[in-house]
Amino acid sequence: MRIAVVHNALGDQSSPDEQDVLVQAEAVTAALERLGHATVRLTCDLNLAAVRQQLEHARPDLVFNLVESLAGTGRLLHFFPSLLDALHLPYAGASAEALFLTSNKAVAKQRLSAGGLPTPAWVGPCDGRRLCKLPPKAQWPARWIVKSVWEHASIGLDAKALVAAADTPGLPERLRQRAPELGGHCFAEAFIEGREFNLSVLDGPQGPQVLPPAEIVFEGYADDQVKIVDYSAKWDEASYAYHHTPRRFDFGAEDQDLLRRLEALALACWERFDLAGYARVDFRVDPAGRPWVLEINANPCIAPDAGFAAAIERAGLSYDQAIQRIVAVVGLTA
């Protein structure tokens, strides 16, 4: 097949998390070529008319969609697959609708809650123009964590994002003030103390396969340090967090029931959001052993050094085999 690998256009001021898409595009292109496909690399920006012309000129049989944002914001990432739908071009990965529903974290939480899937309580979203409402005091958690509605890659996440229960009366104003620096919309989520897990899901002819669960380990963190995978843990190679938050795949017998519940929840999220190709579901597990769905990433990073690739390897698959499955399933669902 002739496959167009398309990613978001970058500029001189692109951040490390944005630049990572180049690594993904290179790896996916190389894998497709090893599998015998002809490839063409294209970029996408807000000039969708020009992008359409590029696609019409390239005449691909299929598009491998790696667009993670447009004009520096994740709120527009569903524009490109919407264009592909309008052009009747098949593409690998989640649909435009699934990308919208999962990228808007507040909408995703509403959908999770309506489907009976456990997700932490939340306040908002707030757009910076008006104050949001607080729940009754009896429902306040010990701490809140403020997050961007649209932006991923842990943008805006650090110790300053946490708000104690005693400061909850000022939370609406805090959200209003932080909204502009968090992509225009933010919300506060009940912070779940405990363990953090990532479960990757890979599509295939026999349906979605949950890859081996990974737990993020917070090595050497003091009791008063916040155990979150913040922006520095993902992108700042000079930070302590970057080097002390490894993932692990080995678990004892005492964790097997929990892992089965996490796997079942990951599949339930896949079905709830009608995902395709590949995805990752992020969880926290509280001290009582209860899992909570934090986010569903319908287009997680698939760079060779990322967690998804590590889970692929742990499952006994090669990177090329995973890419082949992501591509092959498009023909089954088109």
C-alpha atoms as a PDB file:
ATOM      1  CA  MET A   1       0.000   0.000   0.000  1.00  0.00           C
ATOM      2  CA  ARG A   2       0.922   3.633  -0.331  1.00  0.00           C
ATOM      3  CA  ILE A   3       0.625   5.146   3.143  1.00  0.00           C
ATOM      4  CA  ALA A   4       0.842   8.811   4.100  1.00  0.00           C
ATOM      5  CA  VAL A   5       2.321   9.362   7.556  1.00  0.00           C
ATOM      6  CA  VAL A   6       0.952  12.714   8.694  1.00  0.00           C
ATOM      7  CA  HIS A   7       1.907  14.682  11.793  1.00  0.00           C
ATOM      8  CA  ASN A   8       1.284  18.205  13.038  1.00  0.00           C
ATOM      9  CA  ALA A   9       3.508  20.936  11.647  1.00  0.00           C
ATOM     10  CA  LEU A  10       6.108  22.301  14.070  1.00  0.00           C
ATOM     11  CA  GLY A  11       7.640  25.738  14.456  1.00  0.00           C
ATOM     12  CA  ASP A  12      10.833  27.174  15.885  1.00  0.00           C
ATOM     13  CA  GLN A  13       9.176  27.579  19.283  1.00  0.00           C
ATOM     14  CA  SER A  14       7.755  24.065  19.507  1.00  0.00           C
ATOM     15  CA  SER A  15       8.105  22.535  22.975  1.00  0.00           C
ATOM     16  CA  PRO A  16       9.803  19.193  23.704  1.00  0.00           C
ATOM     17  CA  ASP A  17       6.473  17.386  23.933  1.00  0.00           C
ATOM     18  CA  GLU A  18       5.492  18.717  20.494  1.00  0.00           C
ATOM     19  CA  GLN A  19       8.845  17.840  18.925  1.00  0.00           C
ATOM     20  CA  ASP A  20       8.463  14.237  20.041  1.00  0.00           C
ATOM     21  CA  VAL A  21       6.030  13.661  17.157  1.00  0.00           C
ATOM     22  CA  LEU A  22       9.007  13.755  14.780  1.00  0.00           C
ATOM     23  CA  VAL A  23      10.484  10.718  16.538  1.00  0.00           C
ATOM     24  CA  GLN A  24       7.156   8.925  16.191  1.00  0.00           C
ATOM     25  CA  ALA A  25       6.837   9.798  12.497  1.00  0.00           C
ATOM     26  CA  GLU A  26      10.341   8.541  11.745  1.00  0.00           C
ATOM     27  CA  ALA A  27       9.766   5.281  13.611  1.00  0.00           C
ATOM     28  CA  VAL A  28       6.368   4.603  12.033  1.00  0.00           C
ATOM     29  CA  THR A  29       7.637   5.437   8.546  1.00  0.00           C
ATOM     30  CA  ALA A  30      10.639   3.138   8.950  1.00  0.00           C
ATOM     31  CA  ALA A  31       8.430   0.307  10.225  1.00  0.00           C
ATOM     32  CA  LEU A  32       5.971   0.685   7.340  1.00  0.00           C
ATOM     33  CA  GLU A  33       8.790   0.597   4.812  1.00  0.00           C
ATOM     34  CA  ARG A  34      10.272  -2.525   6.423  1.00  0.00           C
ATOM     35  CA  LEU A  35       6.817  -4.062   6.063  1.00  0.00           C
ATOM     36  CA  GLY A  36       6.901  -3.384   2.328  1.00  0.00           C
ATOM     37  CA  HIS A  37       4.701  -0.308   2.116  1.00  0.00           C
ATOM     38  CA  ALA A  38       5.483   2.810   0.111  1.00  0.00           C
ATOM     39  CA  THR A  39       5.332   5.920   2.312  1.00  0.00           C
ATOM     40  CA  VAL A  40       5.085   9.672   2.032  1.00  0.00           C
ATOM     41  CA  ARG A  41       5.559  12.091   4.957  1.00  0.00           C
ATOM     42  CA  LEU A  42       3.210  15.061   5.217  1.00  0.00           C
ATOM     43  CA  THR A  43       2.516  17.716   7.833  1.00  0.00           C
ATOM     44  CA  CYS A  44      -0.786  19.249   8.849  1.00  0.00           C
ATOM     45  CA  ASP A  45      -1.521  22.785  10.016  1.00  0.00           C
ATOM     46  CA  LEU A  46      -4.615  24.966  10.097  1.00  0.00           C
ATOM     47  CA  ASN A  47      -4.496  25.506   6.325  1.00  0.00           C
ATOM     48  CA  LEU A  48      -6.677  22.464   5.731  1.00  0.00           C
ATOM     49  CA  ALA A  49      -7.272  23.432   2.107  1.00  0.00           C
ATOM     50  CA  ALA A  50      -3.531  23.093   1.471  1.00  0.00           C
ATOM     51  CA  VAL A  51      -3.420  19.828   3.420  1.00  0.00           C
ATOM     52  CA  ARG A  52      -6.252  18.532   1.248  1.00  0.00           C
ATOM     53  CA  GLN A  53      -4.298  19.419  -1.886  1.00  0.00           C
ATOM     54  CA  GLN A  54      -1.232  17.578  -0.559  1.00  0.00           C
ATOM     55  CA  LEU A  55      -3.312  14.481   0.104  1.00  0.00           C
ATOM     56  CA  GLU A  56      -4.948  14.603  -3.306  1.00  0.00           C
ATOM     57  CA  HIS A  57      -1.532  14.914  -4.921  1.00  0.00           C
ATOM     58  CA  ALA A  58      -0.040  12.079  -2.829  1.00  0.00           C
ATOM     59  CA  ARG A  59      -3.028   9.772  -3.483  1.00  0.00           C
ATOM     60  CA  PRO A  60      -2.413   7.468  -0.479  1.00  0.00           C
ATOM     61  CA  ASP A  61      -4.371   4.279   0.048  1.00  0.00           C
ATOM     62  CA  LEU A  62      -4.312   4.949   3.772  1.00  0.00           C
ATOM     63  CA  VAL A  63      -3.221   7.659   6.209  1.00  0.00           C
ATOM     64  CA  PHE A  64      -1.360   6.965   9.444  1.00  0.00           C
ATOM     65  CA  ASN A  65      -2.573   9.817  11.623  1.00  0.00           C
ATOM     66  CA  LEU A  66      -0.002  11.178  14.076  1.00  0.00           C
ATOM     67  CA  VAL A  67      -1.475  14.676  14.374  1.00  0.00           C
ATOM     68  CA  GLU A  68      -1.465  15.534  18.088  1.00  0.00           C
ATOM     69  CA  SER A  69      -2.328  19.220  17.958  1.00  0.00           C
ATOM     70  CA  LEU A  70      -2.885  22.104  15.564  1.00  0.00           C
ATOM     71  CA  ALA A  71      -1.602  25.637  16.099  1.00  0.00           C
ATOM     72  CA  GLY A  72      -0.117  24.435  19.375  1.00  0.00           C
ATOM     73  CA  THR A  73      -3.368  23.299  20.967  1.00  0.00           C
ATOM     74  CA  GLY A  74      -4.830  19.853  21.492  1.00  0.00           C
ATOM     75  CA  ARG A  75      -8.399  21.112  21.192  1.00  0.00           C
ATOM     76  CA  LEU A  76      -8.075  21.072  17.381  1.00  0.00           C
ATOM     77  CA  LEU A  77      -6.528  17.641  16.874  1.00  0.00           C
ATOM     78  CA  HIS A  78      -9.811  16.155  15.644  1.00  0.00           C
ATOM     79  CA  PHE A  79      -9.879  18.574  12.685  1.00  0.00           C
ATOM     80  CA  PHE A  80      -7.484  16.475  10.608  1.00  0.00           C
ATOM     81  CA  PRO A  81      -9.318  13.132  10.899  1.00  0.00           C
ATOM     82  CA  SER A  82     -12.549  15.041  10.228  1.00  0.00           C
ATOM     83  CA  LEU A  83     -10.971  16.202   6.963  1.00  0.00           C
ATOM     84  CA  LEU A  84     -10.014  12.615   6.167  1.00  0.00           C
ATOM     85  CA  ASP A  85     -13.605  11.548   6.801  1.00  0.00           C
ATOM     86  CA  ALA A  86     -14.824  14.240   4.409  1.00  0.00           C
ATOM     87  CA  LEU A  87     -12.362  12.988   1.783  1.00  0.00           C
ATOM     88  CA  HIS A  88     -13.393   9.360   2.391  1.00  0.00           C
ATOM     89  CA  LEU A  89      -9.760   8.496   3.087  1.00  0.00           C
ATOM     90  CA  PRO A  90      -9.233   5.561   5.468  1.00  0.00           C
ATOM     91  CA  TYR A  91      -6.861   6.209   8.337  1.00  0.00           C
ATOM     92  CA  ALA A  92      -5.163   4.299  11.121  1.00  0.00           C
ATOM     93  CA  GLY A  93      -6.025   5.171  14.682  1.00  0.00           C
ATOM     94  CA  ALA A  94      -9.054   6.538  16.488  1.00  0.00           C
ATOM     95  CA  SER A  95     -11.922   8.281  14.731  1.00  0.00           C
ATOM     96  CA  ALA A  96     -12.421  12.038  14.805  1.00  0.00           C
ATOM     97  CA  GLU A  97     -15.325  11.564  17.216  1.00  0.00           C
ATOM     98  CA  ALA A  98     -13.311   9.389  19.591  1.00  0.00           C
ATOM     99  CA  LEU A  99     -10.407  11.846  19.541  1.00  0.00           C
ATOM    100  CA  PHE A 100     -12.735  14.721  20.431  1.00  0.00           C
ATOM    101  CA  LEU A 101     -14.469  12.812  23.224  1.00  0.00           C
ATOM    102  CA  THR A 102     -11.212  11.704  24.831  1.00  0.00           C
ATOM    103  CA  SER A 103      -9.226  14.907  24.281  1.00  0.00           C
ATOM    104  CA  ASN A 104     -11.787  16.980  26.152  1.00  0.00           C
ATOM    105  CA  LYS A 105     -11.091  15.538  29.589  1.00  0.00           C
ATOM    106  CA  ALA A 106     -14.248  17.004  31.120  1.00  0.00           C
ATOM    107  CA  VAL A 107     -16.429  15.462  28.415  1.00  0.00           C
ATOM    108  CA  ALA A 108     -14.550  12.178  28.799  1.00  0.00           C
ATOM    109  CA  LYS A 109     -15.196  12.173  32.556  1.00  0.00           C
ATOM    110  CA  GLN A 110     -18.890  12.824  31.987  1.00  0.00           C
ATOM    111  CA  ARG A 111     -19.024   9.900  29.564  1.00  0.00           C
ATOM    112  CA  LEU A 112     -17.116   7.643  31.951  1.00  0.00           C
ATOM    113  CA  SER A 113     -19.391   8.543  34.842  1.00  0.00           C
ATOM    114  CA  ALA A 114     -22.535   8.038  32.757  1.00  0.00           C
ATOM    115  CA  GLY A 115     -21.242   4.601  31.779  1.00  0.00           C
ATOM    116  CA  GLY A 116     -20.653   3.575  35.394  1.00  0.00           C
ATOM    117  CA  LEU A 117     -16.870   3.633  35.049  1.00  0.00           C
ATOM    118  CA  PRO A 118     -14.971   4.952  38.090  1.00  0.00           C
ATOM    119  CA  THR A 119     -13.395   8.371  37.607  1.00  0.00           C
ATOM    120  CA  PRO A 120     -12.460  10.872  40.319  1.00  0.00           C
ATOM    121  CA  ALA A 121     -14.929  13.633  41.200  1.00  0.00           C
ATOM    122  CA  TRP A 122     -14.316  16.941  39.488  1.00  0.00           C
ATOM    123  CA  VAL A 123     -15.166  20.632  39.461  1.00  0.00           C
ATOM    124  CA  GLY A 124     -15.517  22.600  36.248  1.00  0.00           C
ATOM    125  CA  PRO A 125     -14.619  23.021  33.507  1.00  0.00           C
ATOM    126  CA  CYS A 126     -13.790  26.687  33.773  1.00  0.00           C
ATOM    127  CA  ASP A 127     -13.085  28.893  30.740  1.00  0.00           C
ATOM    128  CA  GLY A 128     -11.597  31.809  32.687  1.00  0.00           C
ATOM    129  CA  ARG A 129     -14.622  34.058  32.175  1.00  0.00           C
ATOM    130  CA  ARG A 130     -16.942  32.839  34.907  1.00  0.00           C
ATOM    131  CA  LEU A 131     -16.688  30.946  38.175  1.00  0.00           C
ATOM    132  CA  CYS A 132     -17.685  27.303  38.405  1.00  0.00           C
ATOM    133  CA  LYS A 133     -19.799  25.779  41.165  1.00  0.00           C
ATOM    134  CA  LEU A 134     -18.436  23.767  44.069  1.00  0.00           C
ATOM    135  CA  PRO A 135     -19.927  20.488  45.337  1.00  0.00           C
ATOM    136  CA  PRO A 136     -21.230  20.276  48.923  1.00  0.00           C
ATOM    137  CA  LYS A 137     -18.469  20.426  51.529  1.00  0.00           C
ATOM    138  CA  ALA A 138     -19.082  16.806  52.511  1.00  0.00           C
ATOM    139  CA  GLN A 139     -17.877  15.796  49.024  1.00  0.00           C
ATOM    140  CA  TRP A 140     -14.597  17.693  49.118  1.00  0.00           C
ATOM    141  CA  PRO A 141     -11.548  15.402  48.789  1.00  0.00           C
ATOM    142  CA  ALA A 142      -8.384  15.846  50.828  1.00  0.00           C
ATOM    143  CA  ARG A 143      -6.778  17.486  47.797  1.00  0.00           C
ATOM    144  CA  TRP A 144      -7.667  18.620  44.311  1.00  0.00           C
ATOM    145  CA  ILE A 145      -5.408  18.661  41.278  1.00  0.00           C
ATOM    146  CA  VAL A 146      -5.911  21.315  38.592  1.00  0.00           C
ATOM    147  CA  LYS A 147      -5.623  20.105  34.993  1.00  0.00           C
ATOM    148  CA  SER A 148      -6.023  21.451  31.487  1.00  0.00           C
ATOM    149  CA  VAL A 149      -9.186  20.292  29.758  1.00  0.00           C
ATOM    150  CA  TRP A 150      -7.563  19.947  26.337  1.00  0.00           C
ATOM    151  CA  GLU A 151      -3.798  19.668  26.695  1.00  0.00           C
ATOM    152  CA  HIS A 152      -2.034  16.375  27.293  1.00  0.00           C
ATOM    153  CA  ALA A 153       1.630  15.410  27.857  1.00  0.00           C
ATOM    154  CA  SER A 154       1.270  16.567  31.514  1.00  0.00           C
ATOM    155  CA  ILE A 155       1.243  20.213  30.438  1.00  0.00           C
ATOM    156  CA  GLY A 156       0.687  22.390  33.510  1.00  0.00           C
ATOM    157  CA  LEU A 157       1.095  19.534  35.959  1.00  0.00           C
ATOM    158  CA  ASP A 158       3.408  20.199  38.909  1.00  0.00           C
ATOM    159  CA  ALA A 159       3.192  20.517  42.672  1.00  0.00           C
ATOM    160  CA  LYS A 160       1.508  23.927  42.281  1.00  0.00           C
ATOM    161  CA  ALA A 161      -1.442  22.212  40.621  1.00  0.00           C
ATOM    162  CA  LEU A 162      -2.520  20.720  43.962  1.00  0.00           C
ATOM    163  CA  VAL A 163      -5.123  22.444  46.144  1.00  0.00           C
ATOM    164  CA  ALA A 164      -5.837  21.387  49.728  1.00  0.00           C
ATOM    165  CA  ALA A 165      -9.398  20.810  50.921  1.00  0.00           C
ATOM    166  CA  ALA A 166      -9.119  23.821  53.233  1.00  0.00           C
ATOM    167  CA  ASP A 167      -8.507  26.006  50.171  1.00  0.00           C
ATOM    168  CA  THR A 168     -11.503  24.664  48.249  1.00  0.00           C
ATOM    169  CA  PRO A 169     -13.584  27.862  48.734  1.00  0.00           C
ATOM    170  CA  GLY A 170     -11.002  29.651  46.594  1.00  0.00           C
ATOM    171  CA  LEU A 171     -10.894  26.898  43.959  1.00  0.00           C
ATOM    172  CA  PRO A 172     -13.290  28.554  41.458  1.00  0.00           C
ATOM    173  CA  GLU A 173     -11.125  31.702  41.406  1.00  0.00           C
ATOM    174  CA  ARG A 174      -7.984  29.549  41.145  1.00  0.00           C
ATOM    175  CA  LEU A 175      -9.437  27.821  38.096  1.00  0.00           C
ATOM    176  CA  ARG A 176     -10.468  31.117  36.529  1.00  0.00           C
ATOM    177  CA  GLN A 177      -6.951  32.479  36.900  1.00  0.00           C
ATOM    178  CA  ARG A 178      -5.194  29.361  35.624  1.00  0.00           C
ATOM    179  CA  ALA A 179      -7.433  28.736  32.613  1.00  0.00           C
ATOM    180  CA  PRO A 180      -5.500  31.027  30.216  1.00  0.00           C
ATOM    181  CA  GLU A 181      -2.201  29.258  30.896  1.00  0.00           C
ATOM    182  CA  LEU A 182      -3.790  25.810  30.606  1.00  0.00           C
ATOM    183  CA  GLY A 183      -5.094  26.089  27.076  1.00  0.00           C
ATOM    184  CA  GLY A 184      -8.113  28.251  27.886  1.00  0.00           C
ATOM    185  CA  HIS A 185     -10.091  25.664  29.852  1.00  0.00           C
ATOM    186  CA  CYS A 186      -9.238  23.812  33.048  1.00  0.00           C
ATOM    187  CA  PHE A 187     -10.897  21.778  35.772  1.00  0.00           C
ATOM    188  CA  ALA A 188     -10.089  20.399  39.211  1.00  0.00           C
ATOM    189  CA  GLU A 189     -10.115  16.694  39.898  1.00  0.00           C
ATOM    190  CA  ALA A 190     -10.084  14.894  43.237  1.00  0.00           C
ATOM    191  CA  PHE A 191      -6.472  13.848  43.721  1.00  0.00           C
ATOM    192  CA  ILE A 192      -6.167  10.104  44.255  1.00  0.00           C
ATOM    193  CA  GLU A 193      -3.336   9.225  46.607  1.00  0.00           C
ATOM    194  CA  GLY A 194      -1.812   5.883  45.721  1.00  0.00           C
ATOM    195  CA  ARG A 195      -0.342   3.970  42.791  1.00  0.00           C
ATOM    196  CA  GLU A 196      -0.310   4.944  39.111  1.00  0.00           C
ATOM    197  CA  PHE A 197      -0.794   2.522  36.212  1.00  0.00           C
ATOM    198  CA  ASN A 198      -0.808   2.824  32.420  1.00  0.00           C
ATOM    199  CA  LEU A 199      -2.564   0.164  30.361  1.00  0.00           C
ATOM    200  CA  SER A 200      -1.962   0.161  26.611  1.00  0.00           C
ATOM    201  CA  VAL A 201      -4.443  -1.430  24.209  1.00  0.00           C
ATOM    202  CA  LEU A 202      -3.554  -2.651  20.713  1.00  0.00           C
ATOM    203  CA  ASP A 203      -6.166  -3.400  18.067  1.00  0.00           C
ATOM    204  CA  GLY A 204      -6.051  -6.518  15.939  1.00  0.00           C
ATOM    205  CA  PRO A 205      -8.079  -8.889  13.757  1.00  0.00           C
ATOM    206  CA  GLN A 206      -9.332 -10.673  16.883  1.00  0.00           C
ATOM    207  CA  GLY A 207     -10.261  -7.420  18.590  1.00  0.00           C
ATOM    208  CA  PRO A 208      -8.444  -5.196  21.081  1.00  0.00           C
ATOM    209  CA  GLN A 209      -5.665  -6.704  23.174  1.00  0.00           C
ATOM    210  CA  VAL A 210      -4.730  -5.209  26.533  1.00  0.00           C
ATOM    211  CA  LEU A 211      -0.954  -5.202  26.706  1.00  0.00           C
ATOM    212  CA  PRO A 212       0.892  -5.976  29.955  1.00  0.00           C
ATOM    213  CA  PRO A 213       0.050  -3.387  32.630  1.00  0.00           C
ATOM    214  CA  ALA A 214       2.776  -0.958  33.651  1.00  0.00           C
ATOM    215  CA  GLU A 215       3.098   0.786  37.008  1.00  0.00           C
ATOM    216  CA  ILE A 216       4.960   4.063  37.406  1.00  0.00           C
ATOM    217  CA  VAL A 217       7.330   3.822  40.366  1.00  0.00           C
ATOM    218  CA  PHE A 218       8.213   6.988  42.270  1.00  0.00           C
ATOM    219  CA  GLU A 219      11.749   6.105  43.334  1.00  0.00           C
ATOM    220  CA  GLY A 220      13.297   7.979  46.218  1.00  0.00           C
ATOM    221  CA  TYR A 221      10.354  10.362  46.651  1.00  0.00           C
ATOM    222  CA  ALA A 222      10.058  11.746  50.167  1.00  0.00           C
ATOM    223  CA  ASP A 223       6.774  11.429  52.037  1.00  0.00           C
ATOM    224  CA  ASP A 224       6.016  15.110  51.440  1.00  0.00           C
ATOM    225  CA  GLN A 225       6.770  14.952  47.700  1.00  0.00           C
ATOM    226  CA  VAL A 226       3.804  14.787  45.348  1.00  0.00           C
ATOM    227  CA  LYS A 227       3.802  11.488  43.483  1.00  0.00           C
ATOM    228  CA  ILE A 228       2.576  12.519  40.044  1.00  0.00           C
ATOM    229  CA  VAL A 229       3.990  12.125  36.546  1.00  0.00           C
ATOM    230  CA  ASP A 230       4.369  15.831  35.949  1.00  0.00           C
ATOM    231  CA  TYR A 231       5.766  17.661  32.930  1.00  0.00           C
ATOM    232  CA  SER A 232       9.360  17.420  34.147  1.00  0.00           C
ATOM    233  CA  ALA A 233       9.062  13.648  34.650  1.00  0.00           C
ATOM    234  CA  LYS A 234       8.179  13.256  30.982  1.00  0.00           C
ATOM    235  CA  TRP A 235      10.228  15.920  29.236  1.00  0.00           C
ATOM    236  CA  ASP A 236      12.956  17.500  31.403  1.00  0.00           C
ATOM    237  CA  GLU A 237      15.993  15.226  31.153  1.00  0.00           C
ATOM    238  CA  ALA A 238      17.820  17.309  33.766  1.00  0.00           C
ATOM    239  CA  SER A 239      15.130  16.818  36.417  1.00  0.00           C
ATOM    240  CA  TYR A 240      15.080  14.383  39.327  1.00  0.00           C
ATOM    241  CA  ALA A 241      11.600  13.213  38.343  1.00  0.00           C
ATOM    242  CA  TYR A 242      12.701  12.270  34.812  1.00  0.00           C
ATOM    243  CA  HIS A 243      15.217   9.757  36.162  1.00  0.00           C
ATOM    244  CA  HIS A 244      13.209   8.469  39.128  1.00  0.00           C
ATOM    245  CA  THR A 245       9.832   7.538  37.652  1.00  0.00           C
ATOM    246  CA  PRO A 246      10.529   4.245  35.851  1.00  0.00           C
ATOM    247  CA  ARG A 247       7.789   1.876  34.786  1.00  0.00           C
ATOM    248  CA  ARG A 248       7.664  -1.724  35.941  1.00  0.00           C
ATOM    249  CA  PHE A 249       5.863  -4.755  34.517  1.00  0.00           C
ATOM    250  CA  ASP A 250       6.632  -7.339  37.192  1.00  0.00           C
ATOM    251  CA  PHE A 251       4.024  -7.946  39.902  1.00  0.00           C
ATOM    252  CA  GLY A 252       3.469 -10.433  42.687  1.00  0.00           C
ATOM    253  CA  ALA A 253       0.503 -12.711  43.284  1.00  0.00           C
ATOM    254  CA  GLU A 254      -1.041 -10.092  45.587  1.00  0.00           C
ATOM    255  CA  ASP A 255      -1.597  -7.760  42.610  1.00  0.00           C
ATOM    256  CA  GLN A 256      -3.171 -10.215  40.183  1.00  0.00           C
ATOM    257  CA  ASP A 257      -6.798  -9.440  41.080  1.00  0.00           C
ATOM    258  CA  LEU A 258      -6.098  -5.719  40.754  1.00  0.00           C
ATOM    259  CA  LEU A 259      -4.420  -6.193  37.371  1.00  0.00           C
ATOM    260  CA  ARG A 260      -7.420  -8.142  36.086  1.00  0.00           C
ATOM    261  CA  ARG A 261      -9.736  -5.336  37.170  1.00  0.00           C
ATOM    262  CA  LEU A 262      -7.528  -2.772  35.450  1.00  0.00           C
ATOM    263  CA  GLU A 263      -7.527  -4.817  32.247  1.00  0.00           C
ATOM    264  CA  ALA A 264     -11.313  -5.129  32.331  1.00  0.00           C
ATOM    265  CA  LEU A 265     -11.678  -1.389  32.861  1.00  0.00           C
ATOM    266  CA  ALA A 266      -9.274  -0.624  30.007  1.00  0.00           C
ATOM    267  CA  LEU A 267     -11.379  -2.755  27.659  1.00  0.00           C
ATOM    268  CA  ALA A 268     -14.555  -1.111  28.953  1.00  0.00           C
ATOM    269  CA  CYS A 269     -13.059   2.297  28.155  1.00  0.00           C
ATOM    270  CA  TRP A 270     -12.131   1.077  24.667  1.00  0.00           C
ATOM    271  CA  GLU A 271     -15.722   0.033  24.066  1.00  0.00           C
ATOM    272  CA  ARG A 272     -17.258   3.087  25.730  1.00  0.00           C
ATOM    273  CA  PHE A 273     -15.348   5.474  23.443  1.00  0.00           C
ATOM    274  CA  ASP A 274     -15.380   3.220  20.349  1.00  0.00           C
ATOM    275  CA  LEU A 275     -11.599   3.360  20.051  1.00  0.00           C
ATOM    276  CA  ALA A 276      -9.520   1.874  17.240  1.00  0.00           C
ATOM    277  CA  GLY A 277      -5.892   1.180  16.391  1.00  0.00           C
ATOM    278  CA  TYR A 278      -4.198   1.821  19.696  1.00  0.00           C
ATOM    279  CA  ALA A 279      -4.840   3.637  22.952  1.00  0.00           C
ATOM    280  CA  ARG A 280      -3.687   4.019  26.545  1.00  0.00           C
ATOM    281  CA  VAL A 281      -5.752   4.289  29.711  1.00  0.00           C
ATOM    282  CA  ASP A 282      -4.213   5.927  32.785  1.00  0.00           C
ATOM    283  CA  PHE A 283      -5.281   4.901  36.279  1.00  0.00           C
ATOM    284  CA  ARG A 284      -4.660   5.728  39.914  1.00  0.00           C
ATOM    285  CA  VAL A 285      -5.314   3.079  42.552  1.00  0.00           C
ATOM    286  CA  ASP A 286      -6.189   4.355  46.006  1.00  0.00           C
ATOM    287  CA  PRO A 287      -4.931   2.838  49.292  1.00  0.00           C
ATOM    288  CA  ALA A 288      -8.095   0.710  49.485  1.00  0.00           C
ATOM    289  CA  GLY A 289      -7.168  -0.911  46.159  1.00  0.00           C
ATOM    290  CA  ARG A 290      -9.903   0.827  44.161  1.00  0.00           C
ATOM    291  CA  PRO A 291      -8.916   1.788  40.593  1.00  0.00           C
ATOM    292  CA  TRP A 292      -9.907   5.157  39.118  1.00  0.00           C
ATOM    293  CA  VAL A 293      -9.740   6.104  35.444  1.00  0.00           C
ATOM    294  CA  LEU A 294      -7.837   9.363  35.037  1.00  0.00           C
ATOM    295  CA  GLU A 295      -7.601   9.734  31.265  1.00  0.00           C
ATOM    296  CA  ILE A 296      -8.060   7.895  27.996  1.00  0.00           C
ATOM    297  CA  ASN A 297      -5.425   8.725  25.412  1.00  0.00           C
ATOM    298  CA  ALA A 298      -6.743   7.726  21.985  1.00  0.00           C
ATOM    299  CA  ASN A 299      -3.460   8.612  20.255  1.00  0.00           C
ATOM    300  CA  PRO A 300      -0.697   7.929  22.779  1.00  0.00           C
ATOM    301  CA  CYS A 301       2.955   8.411  21.951  1.00  0.00           C
ATOM    302  CA  ILE A 302       4.244   5.434  19.960  1.00  0.00           C
ATOM    303  CA  ALA A 303       7.886   6.455  19.826  1.00  0.00           C
ATOM    304  CA  PRO A 304      10.204   3.457  20.364  1.00  0.00           C
ATOM    305  CA  ASP A 305      11.259   4.752  23.801  1.00  0.00           C
ATOM    306  CA  ALA A 306       7.714   5.437  25.047  1.00  0.00           C
ATOM    307  CA  GLY A 307       5.544   3.373  27.350  1.00  0.00           C
ATOM    308  CA  PHE A 308       3.388   1.978  24.556  1.00  0.00           C
ATOM    309  CA  ALA A 309       6.412   0.504  22.789  1.00  0.00           C
ATOM    310  CA  ALA A 310       7.643  -0.926  26.095  1.00  0.00           C
ATOM    311  CA  ALA A 311       4.289  -2.661  26.595  1.00  0.00           C
ATOM    312  CA  ILE A 312       4.449  -4.018  23.025  1.00  0.00           C
ATOM    313  CA  GLU A 313       7.847  -5.543  23.713  1.00  0.00           C
ATOM    314  CA  ARG A 314       6.669  -6.946  27.042  1.00  0.00           C
ATOM    315  CA  ALA A 315       3.802  -8.651  25.190  1.00  0.00           C
ATOM    316  CA  GLY A 316       6.309 -10.441  22.979  1.00  0.00           C
ATOM    317  CA  LEU A 317       5.586  -8.380  19.873  1.00  0.00           C
ATOM    318  CA  SER A 318       8.000  -6.422  17.737  1.00  0.00           C
ATOM    319  CA  TYR A 319       7.404  -2.755  16.939  1.00  0.00           C
ATOM    320  CA  ASP A 320       6.842  -3.682  13.293  1.00  0.00           C
ATOM    321  CA  GLN A 321       4.239  -6.294  14.214  1.00  0.00           C
ATOM    322  CA  ALA A 322       2.312  -3.707  16.220  1.00  0.00           C
ATOM    323  CA  ILE A 323       2.377  -1.183  13.367  1.00  0.00           C
ATOM    324  CA  GLN A 324       1.225  -3.881  10.964  1.00  0.00           C
ATOM    325  CA  ARG A 325      -1.733  -4.690  13.221  1.00  0.00           C
ATOM    326  CA  ILE A 326      -2.700  -1.019  13.497  1.00  0.00           C
ATOM    327  CA  VAL A 327      -2.682  -0.734   9.705  1.00  0.00           C
ATOM    328  CA  ALA A 328      -4.298  -4.096   8.966  1.00  0.00           C
ATOM    329  CA  VAL A 329      -7.323  -3.499  11.177  1.00  0.00           C
ATOM    330  CA  VAL A 330      -8.326  -0.451   9.088  1.00  0.00           C
ATOM    331  CA  GLY A 331      -9.251  -2.762   6.232  1.00  0.00           C
ATOM    332  CA  LEU A 332     -11.430  -4.791   8.570  1.00  0.00           C
ATOM    333  CA  THR A 333     -13.367  -1.794   9.880  1.00  0.00           C
ATOM    334  CA  ALA A 334     -13.513   0.496   6.810  1.00  0.00           C
END
